[in-house]
Amino acid sequence: MFFRKVTTRRGDKEYVYLKLIETYRQAGKVKQRVIANFGNIDRLTPEKITALIQGLARLHEGAGAFPEVPLPAPEGDPVALRAAWESLGLGPEIRKAWPDPAAPFDPALATELMVLHLVLNPPGPQPVDRSCRELGLTGAQGPLKPVDFYRTLEFLPRIKMQIACHLLRTLVTPGEPGGELPWLVRVLPSTFKGYECGLSSHGYTYQIRPYTIPLNLALLVDPRGLPLDFAVAVNRPLAREDLLGLIGFLRGQCGAVPLVVADGRSADPPPVPEDEKWALRVAPENLPRSLVDAMLEENPQDFRVLSMGRRGETCVVYHHPGLGETLNSTLDERLAAARVQLEHIRRDIARRRLRRPSTVAERVKKTLQNHECTDLVDWAYDEDARQLTFRVREDAVARHKMQNRLLAFRTNLDRESVHGFLQSYLNSLDLQEHFGSISDCTRLPVLYPYAEYHHSTDVIAGHALVYFLAYLLRRLAAEGGKVVMGDGGGASGRG
């Protein structure tokens, strides 16, 4: 058997497909037939190819070992990460809760390996069993099988409450710095990205395909920005019971501590009792232009509390200098790329390659739309002089950059509580980046007998729990095993 690239043309476009060909004899003649069609070669990412090779190796027990690509260097120190994991003390809790004491594998070890694999190799395509084997992260029972990781992922959500109670006892000390700041329930939108194995379009081969399922997360976060419990809603909105469960857990463990439900996805107050405090993130582009201009002119190191038309609600606007660095850098890159293309259009006009005003207008508008600069650049075309002029609207650019540096909320907090809420929120600012997209943390090959397993709500919740523990491990390892209060840039302000 061998692979063959087949090129076809449709109009002006060229498409290249990859097929698996088998040679055979019939009536004394050598013939060829297609065994499998892998589709457009541009869609065969390294991750898909690796999963396919390893899946074929497991299907045929007698197959020889495939050559493996060397792993990239890990993104952390495995020794320090294992020490941080041991400091959490979750291993005995997981073993004690496991329903089968005679299981042929250690579920605590499987959990540890998945968490370490996610921390050490977040972007890599290699599966958990291989990366941990090459890093020396194995236990006394030897390497774990893929089914061991499957069983562990399905079981972990069932002991989420025991894990949360243990983390609260281990990581929260009464009276430590930040005790007067509020706890948060951070509500975040997310997605789960996995792989499924199903019949291909022609119906006689199995094909591995990616799929995406929307998630909604609610994270119980302490004043240091450390999540200690969470709820996940798979392919549905968060229910009132999900939020009340987190609030009830905190009240039962810590008493009447200050708490704010911070929702970054909804325009309506969260479904919690009226006496609970909440804050809704407002998109900066929805703020009044006069308010953004005022923030440009005034001291940018403060927050402003404004009254709103709705009874009991206020608007909090806070300027954080480092908040929009990435977005503003991307904005500068888009403007620079738009300038280059507009100069190309100007040169084509001078060389008489572009003559019709309608064609020039179409090219300019398409360029600005592609770089999302339509409202940031003014342009004009003089047909008689055959000249294109354009200029960047510096005032609009400055306003956009200010918007990217603003945090804005609608809230029922009183003015005295705003400062503490902002400090807690800034300490947990990176949660959206970490939990914004959750993917299969094992990266094990997807085989047909386990196809339905990968869509299980419990398994997806198990992946979310591994991400949850990986975030804790990163924080502990980065700060020497003890998470301290961050200044978050500080929050000082006035009404």
Protein backbone atom coordinates (compact mmCIF):
# COMPACT_ATOMS: atom_id res chain seq x y z
CA MET A 1 0.00 0.00 0.00
CA PHE A 2 1.12 3.56 -0.56
CA PHE A 3 -0.18 7.12 -0.40
CA ARG A 4 -1.02 9.15 -3.49
CA LYS A 5 -1.73 12.85 -3.87
CA VAL A 6 -4.52 13.61 -6.33
CA THR A 7 -4.83 17.16 -7.68
CA THR A 8 -8.08 18.52 -9.06
CA ARG A 9 -9.06 21.95 -10.38
CA ARG A 10 -12.33 23.79 -9.94
CA GLY A 11 -12.29 27.09 -11.72
CA ASP A 12 -9.17 28.98 -10.69
CA LYS A 13 -8.65 26.96 -7.50
CA GLU A 14 -6.53 23.85 -7.08
CA TYR A 15 -7.30 21.16 -4.51
CA VAL A 16 -4.96 18.37 -3.37
CA TYR A 17 -6.41 15.20 -1.81
CA LEU A 18 -4.59 12.34 -0.08
CA LYS A 19 -5.61 8.72 -0.78
CA LEU A 20 -4.38 5.33 0.43
CA ILE A 21 -3.86 3.00 -2.55
CA GLU A 22 -3.56 -0.79 -2.57
CA THR A 23 -1.94 -2.79 -5.38
CA TYR A 24 -3.40 -6.22 -6.21
CA ARG A 25 -3.44 -8.81 -9.01
CA GLN A 26 -6.50 -9.82 -10.97
CA ALA A 27 -6.49 -12.15 -13.94
CA GLY A 28 -2.74 -11.88 -14.17
CA LYS A 29 -2.79 -8.09 -14.27
CA VAL A 30 -1.59 -5.60 -11.63
CA LYS A 31 -4.33 -3.20 -10.61
CA GLN A 32 -4.83 -0.49 -8.00
CA ARG A 33 -7.77 0.49 -5.82
CA VAL A 34 -8.49 3.18 -3.24
CA ILE A 35 -8.54 1.87 0.33
CA ALA A 36 -9.22 5.17 2.11
CA ASN A 37 -9.67 8.80 1.18
CA PHE A 38 -8.19 11.20 3.75
CA GLY A 39 -9.68 14.32 2.19
CA ASN A 40 -8.03 17.67 1.54
CA ILE A 41 -4.34 17.47 2.44
CA ASP A 42 -4.41 21.03 3.81
CA ARG A 43 -6.70 19.84 6.62
CA LEU A 44 -4.35 17.07 7.79
CA THR A 45 -2.75 18.81 10.75
CA PRO A 46 0.20 17.20 12.60
CA GLU A 47 -2.14 16.46 15.50
CA LYS A 48 -4.53 14.51 13.26
CA ILE A 49 -1.69 12.59 11.60
CA THR A 50 -0.16 11.63 14.96
CA ALA A 51 -3.52 10.44 16.29
CA LEU A 52 -4.13 8.39 13.13
CA ILE A 53 -0.73 6.67 13.28
CA GLN A 54 -1.06 5.79 16.94
CA GLY A 55 -4.63 4.59 16.46
CA LEU A 56 -3.54 2.23 13.66
CA ALA A 57 -0.69 0.94 15.82
CA ARG A 58 -3.09 0.04 18.63
CA LEU A 59 -5.56 -1.62 16.27
CA HIS A 60 -2.93 -4.06 15.01
CA GLU A 61 -1.06 -5.68 17.91
CA GLY A 62 1.59 -7.17 15.65
CA ALA A 63 2.52 -3.90 14.02
CA GLY A 64 6.04 -2.70 14.59
CA ALA A 65 6.78 0.50 16.42
CA PHE A 66 6.39 3.66 14.37
CA PRO A 67 9.24 6.18 14.47
CA GLU A 68 8.38 8.85 17.00
CA VAL A 69 9.15 12.54 16.62
CA PRO A 70 11.22 13.85 19.56
CA LEU A 71 9.18 15.72 22.12
CA PRO A 72 9.71 19.47 22.49
CA ALA A 73 11.26 20.73 25.70
CA PRO A 74 8.68 20.91 28.53
CA GLU A 75 7.39 24.33 29.56
CA GLY A 76 8.16 23.80 33.26
CA ASP A 77 10.33 21.88 35.70
CA PRO A 78 8.83 18.39 36.21
CA VAL A 79 10.52 18.04 39.61
CA ALA A 80 9.11 21.34 40.91
CA LEU A 81 5.67 20.52 39.51
CA ARG A 82 5.61 17.10 41.15
CA ALA A 83 6.62 18.71 44.45
CA ALA A 84 3.79 21.23 44.08
CA TRP A 85 1.37 18.38 43.36
CA GLU A 86 2.52 16.52 46.47
CA SER A 87 1.96 19.69 48.52
CA LEU A 88 -1.70 19.66 47.44
CA GLY A 89 -2.13 16.22 48.97
CA LEU A 90 -4.85 15.14 46.55
CA GLY A 91 -3.46 11.64 45.93
CA PRO A 92 -4.76 10.03 49.17
CA GLU A 93 -8.15 11.74 48.72
CA ILE A 94 -8.59 10.30 45.22
CA ARG A 95 -7.45 6.80 46.27
CA LYS A 96 -9.79 6.82 49.28
CA ALA A 97 -12.78 7.79 47.12
CA TRP A 98 -12.07 5.28 44.34
CA PRO A 99 -14.85 2.64 44.45
CA ASP A 100 -12.65 -0.32 43.49
CA PRO A 101 -9.70 -0.83 45.89
CA ALA A 102 -8.52 -3.80 43.79
CA ALA A 103 -8.28 -1.76 40.57
CA PRO A 104 -5.22 -2.74 38.49
CA PHE A 105 -4.05 0.89 38.27
CA ASP A 106 -3.64 3.93 40.52
CA PRO A 107 -6.31 6.60 39.76
CA ALA A 108 -4.34 9.21 41.72
CA LEU A 109 -1.33 8.58 39.48
CA ALA A 110 -3.51 8.84 36.35
CA THR A 111 -4.87 12.20 37.59
CA GLU A 112 -1.37 13.47 38.38
CA LEU A 113 -0.04 12.46 34.96
CA MET A 114 -2.88 14.16 33.11
CA VAL A 115 -2.41 17.38 35.10
CA LEU A 116 1.38 17.36 34.64
CA HIS A 117 1.00 16.57 30.95
CA LEU A 118 -1.31 19.56 30.48
CA VAL A 119 1.05 21.90 32.36
CA LEU A 120 4.24 20.70 30.70
CA ASN A 121 3.04 20.32 27.11
CA PRO A 122 -0.09 22.46 26.60
CA PRO A 123 0.22 22.92 22.80
CA GLY A 124 1.75 19.56 21.86
CA PRO A 125 0.00 16.76 19.92
CA GLN A 126 1.66 13.86 21.81
CA PRO A 127 -0.56 11.69 24.03
CA VAL A 128 -0.28 11.65 27.80
CA ASP A 129 1.17 8.15 28.04
CA ARG A 130 4.08 8.92 25.74
CA SER A 131 5.02 12.35 27.09
CA CYS A 132 4.94 11.17 30.71
CA ARG A 133 6.99 8.07 29.83
CA GLU A 134 9.72 10.17 28.19
CA LEU A 135 9.73 12.62 31.10
CA GLY A 136 10.06 9.75 33.57
CA LEU A 137 6.64 10.40 35.12
CA THR A 138 5.57 6.81 35.80
CA GLY A 139 4.53 4.91 38.90
CA ALA A 140 5.46 1.63 40.53
CA GLN A 141 2.80 -0.24 38.55
CA GLY A 142 4.38 0.72 35.24
CA PRO A 143 2.84 2.66 32.35
CA LEU A 144 -0.89 3.22 32.38
CA LYS A 145 -3.20 2.10 29.57
CA PRO A 146 -5.49 4.50 27.68
CA VAL A 147 -8.55 2.90 29.29
CA ASP A 148 -7.12 3.82 32.72
CA PHE A 149 -7.18 7.51 31.81
CA TYR A 150 -10.69 7.11 30.38
CA ARG A 151 -11.99 5.58 33.63
CA THR A 152 -10.28 8.24 35.75
CA LEU A 153 -11.75 11.13 33.73
CA GLU A 154 -15.23 9.66 34.04
CA PHE A 155 -14.84 9.23 37.81
CA LEU A 156 -13.27 12.60 38.81
CA PRO A 157 -16.47 14.74 38.58
CA ARG A 158 -18.14 12.42 41.11
CA ILE A 159 -15.64 13.41 43.81
CA LYS A 160 -15.53 17.12 42.95
CA MET A 161 -17.00 18.05 46.34
CA GLN A 162 -14.36 16.04 48.25
CA ILE A 163 -11.62 17.70 46.18
CA ALA A 164 -13.05 21.18 46.84
CA CYS A 165 -13.28 20.57 50.61
CA HIS A 166 -9.69 19.30 50.70
CA LEU A 167 -8.38 22.29 48.69
CA LEU A 168 -10.22 24.70 50.97
CA ARG A 169 -8.65 23.12 54.07
CA THR A 170 -5.21 23.01 52.44
CA LEU A 171 -4.97 26.39 50.70
CA VAL A 172 -7.12 28.78 52.74
CA THR A 173 -5.88 29.99 56.11
CA PRO A 174 -8.26 32.12 58.22
CA GLY A 175 -6.95 35.63 58.84
CA GLU A 176 -4.35 35.62 56.05
CA PRO A 177 -3.83 38.74 53.86
CA GLY A 178 -6.82 39.49 51.66
CA GLY A 179 -9.32 38.18 54.21
CA GLU A 180 -11.41 41.36 53.94
CA LEU A 181 -11.62 41.24 50.15
CA PRO A 182 -14.64 39.48 48.65
CA TRP A 183 -14.69 36.00 47.22
CA LEU A 184 -15.91 35.75 43.61
CA VAL A 185 -18.04 33.39 41.59
CA ARG A 186 -16.58 33.99 38.13
CA VAL A 187 -19.01 32.99 35.36
CA LEU A 188 -17.12 32.33 32.13
CA PRO A 189 -18.10 31.13 28.64
CA SER A 190 -15.92 28.36 27.25
CA THR A 191 -15.80 25.58 24.68
CA PHE A 192 -14.68 21.96 24.71
CA LYS A 193 -12.72 20.76 21.69
CA GLY A 194 -12.43 17.02 21.19
CA TYR A 195 -12.29 14.36 18.51
CA GLU A 196 -14.83 11.81 17.38
CA CYS A 197 -14.52 8.68 15.28
CA GLY A 198 -17.40 8.12 12.86
CA LEU A 199 -18.19 6.92 9.40
CA SER A 200 -16.83 9.03 6.57
CA SER A 201 -19.08 10.59 3.95
CA HIS A 202 -18.81 7.61 1.59
CA GLY A 203 -19.82 5.28 4.43
CA TYR A 204 -17.25 2.46 4.39
CA THR A 205 -14.30 3.84 6.42
CA TYR A 206 -14.01 5.47 9.83
CA GLN A 207 -12.72 8.99 10.06
CA ILE A 208 -11.43 11.04 13.00
CA ARG A 209 -13.04 14.48 13.06
CA PRO A 210 -12.79 17.39 15.52
CA TYR A 211 -15.90 18.68 17.22
CA THR A 212 -16.70 21.59 19.53
CA ILE A 213 -19.27 21.79 22.35
CA PRO A 214 -20.13 25.05 24.17
CA LEU A 215 -19.55 25.15 27.93
CA ASN A 216 -20.44 27.56 30.71
CA LEU A 217 -18.24 27.59 33.79
CA ALA A 218 -18.76 29.04 37.26
CA LEU A 219 -15.56 29.21 39.33
CA LEU A 220 -15.51 29.85 43.08
CA VAL A 221 -12.44 32.08 43.48
CA ASP A 222 -10.82 33.25 46.71
CA PRO A 223 -9.50 36.84 47.11
CA ARG A 224 -6.06 35.78 45.81
CA GLY A 225 -7.57 34.71 42.51
CA LEU A 226 -7.29 31.00 43.32
CA PRO A 227 -10.23 28.83 42.15
CA LEU A 228 -11.22 26.25 44.76
CA ASP A 229 -14.44 24.82 43.31
CA PHE A 230 -16.35 25.02 40.04
CA ALA A 231 -19.51 24.02 38.22
CA VAL A 232 -19.69 23.20 34.52
CA ALA A 233 -22.73 23.21 32.23
CA VAL A 234 -22.16 21.17 29.05
CA ASN A 235 -24.07 22.47 26.04
CA ARG A 236 -26.54 24.39 28.24
CA PRO A 237 -26.66 27.63 30.24
CA LEU A 238 -25.76 27.64 33.91
CA ALA A 239 -28.79 27.02 36.08
CA ARG A 240 -29.70 28.74 39.33
CA GLU A 241 -28.86 25.51 41.17
CA ASP A 242 -25.29 25.57 39.80
CA LEU A 243 -24.60 29.01 41.29
CA LEU A 244 -26.45 28.33 44.55
CA GLY A 245 -24.42 25.16 44.99
CA LEU A 246 -21.15 27.12 44.92
CA ILE A 247 -22.51 29.87 47.17
CA GLY A 248 -23.90 27.31 49.63
CA PHE A 249 -20.58 25.45 49.71
CA LEU A 250 -18.70 28.65 50.57
CA ARG A 251 -21.19 29.73 53.24
CA GLY A 252 -21.13 26.27 54.79
CA GLN A 253 -17.33 26.13 54.94
CA CYS A 254 -16.38 29.74 55.68
CA GLY A 255 -19.50 31.40 57.07
CA ALA A 256 -20.73 34.85 56.05
CA VAL A 257 -17.72 35.99 54.01
CA PRO A 258 -18.23 38.75 51.39
CA LEU A 259 -19.05 37.35 47.95
CA VAL A 260 -19.71 38.82 44.48
CA VAL A 261 -21.02 36.89 41.46
CA ALA A 262 -19.07 38.29 38.50
CA ASP A 263 -20.63 37.35 35.16
CA GLY A 264 -18.70 37.96 31.97
CA ARG A 265 -21.23 36.58 29.49
CA SER A 266 -24.71 37.93 30.28
CA ALA A 267 -26.50 41.27 30.13
CA ASP A 268 -29.00 40.27 32.82
CA PRO A 269 -28.32 39.87 36.56
CA PRO A 270 -27.41 36.28 37.49
CA PRO A 271 -30.14 34.01 38.93
CA VAL A 272 -29.15 34.40 42.59
CA PRO A 273 -31.08 35.64 45.67
CA GLU A 274 -31.70 39.40 45.79
CA ASP A 275 -29.43 39.89 48.80
CA GLU A 276 -26.38 38.52 46.91
CA LYS A 277 -24.01 40.99 45.27
CA TRP A 278 -23.28 40.73 41.56
CA ALA A 279 -21.33 42.51 38.81
CA LEU A 280 -21.85 42.17 35.06
CA ARG A 281 -18.94 42.84 32.72
CA VAL A 282 -19.82 45.52 30.15
CA ALA A 283 -18.08 45.50 26.78
CA PRO A 284 -16.01 48.72 26.47
CA GLU A 285 -17.45 49.42 23.01
CA ASN A 286 -20.87 49.71 24.65
CA LEU A 287 -19.74 52.51 26.95
CA PRO A 288 -20.80 56.09 26.11
CA ARG A 289 -18.27 57.87 23.95
CA SER A 290 -18.27 60.85 26.31
CA LEU A 291 -17.19 58.58 29.19
CA VAL A 292 -14.27 57.12 27.21
CA ASP A 293 -13.18 60.62 26.15
CA ALA A 294 -13.33 61.72 29.80
CA MET A 295 -11.11 58.78 30.81
CA LEU A 296 -8.65 59.85 28.11
CA GLU A 297 -8.41 63.36 29.51
CA GLU A 298 -8.36 62.55 33.23
CA ASN A 299 -6.00 60.61 35.47
CA PRO A 300 -5.98 57.04 34.05
CA GLN A 301 -5.08 55.40 37.38
CA ASP A 302 -8.52 55.63 38.96
CA PHE A 303 -11.94 54.09 38.73
CA ARG A 304 -15.22 55.91 38.46
CA VAL A 305 -18.54 54.91 39.99
CA LEU A 306 -21.49 56.31 38.08
CA SER A 307 -25.18 56.18 38.91
CA MET A 308 -27.48 54.45 36.43
CA GLY A 309 -31.13 54.75 35.60
CA ARG A 310 -32.03 51.38 37.13
CA ARG A 311 -32.79 51.38 40.82
CA GLY A 312 -29.98 50.06 42.98
CA GLU A 313 -27.49 49.73 40.10
CA THR A 314 -24.27 51.58 39.42
CA CYS A 315 -21.64 51.49 36.69
CA VAL A 316 -17.98 50.97 37.59
CA VAL A 317 -15.31 51.90 35.04
CA TYR A 318 -11.69 51.12 35.85
CA HIS A 319 -8.57 51.86 33.80
CA HIS A 320 -5.87 49.18 33.94
CA PRO A 321 -2.68 50.22 32.05
CA GLY A 322 -1.53 46.67 31.29
CA LEU A 323 -4.92 45.21 30.44
CA GLY A 324 -5.00 45.97 26.73
CA GLU A 325 -1.33 45.53 25.80
CA THR A 326 -1.93 42.52 23.55
CA LEU A 327 -5.05 43.99 21.93
CA ASN A 328 -3.39 47.33 21.34
CA SER A 329 -0.31 45.68 19.88
CA THR A 330 -2.56 43.72 17.52
CA LEU A 331 -4.35 46.96 16.59
CA ASP A 332 -1.02 48.57 15.63
CA GLU A 333 -0.14 45.53 13.52
CA ARG A 334 -3.48 45.67 11.72
CA LEU A 335 -3.04 49.36 10.95
CA ALA A 336 0.50 48.78 9.65
CA ALA A 337 -0.69 45.95 7.40
CA ALA A 338 -3.57 48.10 6.11
CA ARG A 339 -1.14 50.93 5.28
CA VAL A 340 1.05 48.55 3.26
CA GLN A 341 -1.90 47.30 1.21
CA LEU A 342 -3.23 50.81 0.66
CA GLU A 343 0.21 51.80 -0.65
CA HIS A 344 0.02 48.86 -3.07
CA ILE A 345 -3.36 50.12 -4.28
CA ARG A 346 -1.93 53.62 -4.68
CA ARG A 347 0.95 52.20 -6.74
CA ASP A 348 -1.43 50.19 -8.93
CA ILE A 349 -3.39 53.39 -9.60
CA ALA A 350 -0.23 55.22 -10.62
CA ARG A 351 0.68 52.37 -12.98
CA ARG A 352 -2.85 52.45 -14.44
CA ARG A 353 -3.61 48.92 -13.32
CA LEU A 354 -6.64 50.30 -11.48
CA ARG A 355 -8.77 52.81 -13.36
CA ARG A 356 -12.43 52.54 -12.44
CA PRO A 357 -13.44 54.43 -9.29
CA SER A 358 -15.77 51.59 -8.34
CA THR A 359 -12.88 49.09 -8.47
CA VAL A 360 -10.67 51.36 -6.37
CA ALA A 361 -13.43 51.83 -3.80
CA GLU A 362 -14.08 48.09 -3.64
CA ARG A 363 -10.37 47.31 -3.10
CA VAL A 364 -9.97 49.97 -0.41
CA LYS A 365 -13.11 48.94 1.48
CA LYS A 366 -12.17 45.27 1.33
CA THR A 367 -8.67 46.04 2.63
CA LEU A 368 -10.00 48.03 5.58
CA GLN A 369 -12.61 45.39 6.36
CA ASN A 370 -10.06 42.58 6.29
CA HIS A 371 -7.92 44.42 8.83
CA GLU A 372 -10.88 45.71 10.88
CA CYS A 373 -9.83 49.32 10.32
CA THR A 374 -12.91 50.73 8.59
CA ASP A 375 -13.65 53.27 11.32
CA LEU A 376 -9.97 54.08 11.92
CA VAL A 377 -8.90 55.24 8.45
CA ASP A 378 -10.31 58.05 6.28
CA TRP A 379 -9.69 57.86 2.55
CA ALA A 380 -10.63 59.63 -0.69
CA TYR A 381 -10.04 59.00 -4.38
CA ASP A 382 -9.64 61.85 -6.90
CA GLU A 383 -10.59 60.39 -10.27
CA ASP A 384 -9.32 63.35 -12.28
CA ALA A 385 -5.92 63.45 -10.62
CA ARG A 386 -5.89 59.63 -10.27
CA GLN A 387 -4.74 59.95 -6.70
CA LEU A 388 -5.68 57.99 -3.57
CA THR A 389 -5.23 59.72 -0.23
CA PHE A 390 -5.73 58.22 3.21
CA ARG A 391 -4.94 59.06 6.81
CA VAL A 392 -5.23 57.24 10.14
CA ARG A 393 -7.69 58.84 12.55
CA GLU A 394 -5.44 59.17 15.56
CA ASP A 395 -8.30 60.24 17.81
CA ALA A 396 -10.27 57.09 16.97
CA VAL A 397 -7.17 54.92 17.50
CA ALA A 398 -6.54 56.50 20.90
CA ARG A 399 -10.19 55.90 21.84
CA HIS A 400 -9.99 52.23 20.81
CA LYS A 401 -6.81 51.75 22.81
CA MET A 402 -8.41 53.35 25.85
CA GLN A 403 -11.42 51.05 25.50
CA ASN A 404 -9.09 48.03 25.48
CA ARG A 405 -7.62 49.21 28.79
CA LEU A 406 -10.97 49.62 30.54
CA LEU A 407 -12.83 47.27 32.84
CA ALA A 408 -16.50 48.20 33.08
CA PHE A 409 -19.24 46.61 35.19
CA ARG A 410 -22.91 47.01 35.99
CA THR A 411 -23.33 46.11 39.62
CA ASN A 412 -25.51 46.36 42.73
CA LEU A 413 -22.44 46.92 44.93
CA ASP A 414 -22.31 50.04 47.06
CA ARG A 415 -19.49 52.52 46.53
CA GLU A 416 -17.54 51.38 49.58
CA SER A 417 -17.34 47.80 48.30
CA VAL A 418 -16.17 48.61 44.78
CA HIS A 419 -12.48 48.90 45.65
CA GLY A 420 -12.32 45.43 47.22
CA PHE A 421 -14.23 43.86 44.34
CA LEU A 422 -11.86 45.35 41.76
CA GLN A 423 -8.84 44.04 43.67
CA SER A 424 -10.25 40.50 43.81
CA TYR A 425 -11.23 40.66 40.13
CA LEU A 426 -7.76 41.81 39.07
CA ASN A 427 -6.20 38.93 41.02
CA SER A 428 -8.27 36.49 38.94
CA LEU A 429 -7.92 38.26 35.61
CA ASP A 430 -6.11 35.39 33.84
CA LEU A 431 -8.87 32.84 34.45
CA GLN A 432 -10.61 33.68 31.17
CA GLU A 433 -7.42 33.01 29.22
CA HIS A 434 -6.86 29.63 30.90
CA PHE A 435 -10.47 28.37 30.86
CA GLY A 436 -11.65 30.08 27.66
CA SER A 437 -11.03 26.90 25.64
CA ILE A 438 -10.80 23.38 27.07
CA SER A 439 -9.60 20.49 24.94
CA ASP A 440 -8.91 16.79 25.36
CA CYS A 441 -6.09 16.82 27.93
CA THR A 442 -5.01 13.22 27.20
CA ARG A 443 -4.67 13.49 23.40
CA LEU A 444 -5.04 9.74 23.21
CA PRO A 445 -6.10 8.28 19.85
CA VAL A 446 -9.84 8.11 19.32
CA LEU A 447 -10.91 4.58 18.36
CA TYR A 448 -14.32 3.50 17.17
CA PRO A 449 -15.29 1.32 20.20
CA TYR A 450 -14.85 4.38 22.44
CA ALA A 451 -16.48 6.90 20.08
CA GLU A 452 -19.54 7.60 22.24
CA TYR A 453 -17.39 7.88 25.36
CA HIS A 454 -15.81 11.13 24.15
CA HIS A 455 -19.22 12.86 24.10
CA SER A 456 -20.05 11.90 27.69
CA THR A 457 -20.95 14.82 29.96
CA ASP A 458 -19.00 13.24 32.82
CA VAL A 459 -15.87 12.88 30.70
CA ILE A 460 -16.03 16.49 29.47
CA ALA A 461 -16.50 17.61 33.10
CA GLY A 462 -13.47 15.46 33.96
CA HIS A 463 -11.38 17.32 31.39
CA ALA A 464 -12.55 20.61 32.92
CA LEU A 465 -11.48 19.36 36.36
CA VAL A 466 -8.01 18.52 35.01
CA TYR A 467 -7.74 22.09 33.65
CA PHE A 468 -8.88 23.33 37.06
CA LEU A 469 -6.12 21.38 38.85
CA ALA A 470 -3.52 22.37 36.23
CA TYR A 471 -4.21 26.05 36.92
CA LEU A 472 -3.72 25.49 40.66
CA LEU A 473 -0.49 23.62 40.00
CA ARG A 474 0.90 26.42 37.82
CA ARG A 475 0.16 29.01 40.50
CA LEU A 476 1.68 26.92 43.27
CA ALA A 477 4.80 26.05 41.28
CA ALA A 478 5.30 29.64 40.12
CA GLU A 479 5.06 31.04 43.64
CA GLY A 480 7.11 28.45 45.48
CA GLY A 481 4.22 26.38 46.81
CA LYS A 482 2.40 29.29 48.47
CA VAL A 483 0.00 31.56 46.62
CA VAL A 484 0.28 35.15 47.81
CA MET A 485 -1.82 38.21 47.16
CA GLY A 486 -1.01 39.99 43.90
CA ASP A 487 -1.31 43.75 43.61
CA GLY A 488 -2.98 43.46 40.19
CA GLY A 489 -1.83 46.96 39.41
CA GLY A 490 -3.77 48.34 42.34
CA ALA A 491 -7.18 49.95 42.38
CA SER A 492 -7.64 53.39 43.76
CA GLY A 493 -10.35 55.77 42.80
CA ARG A 494 -13.21 58.07 43.47
CA GLY A 495 -16.90 58.31 42.85
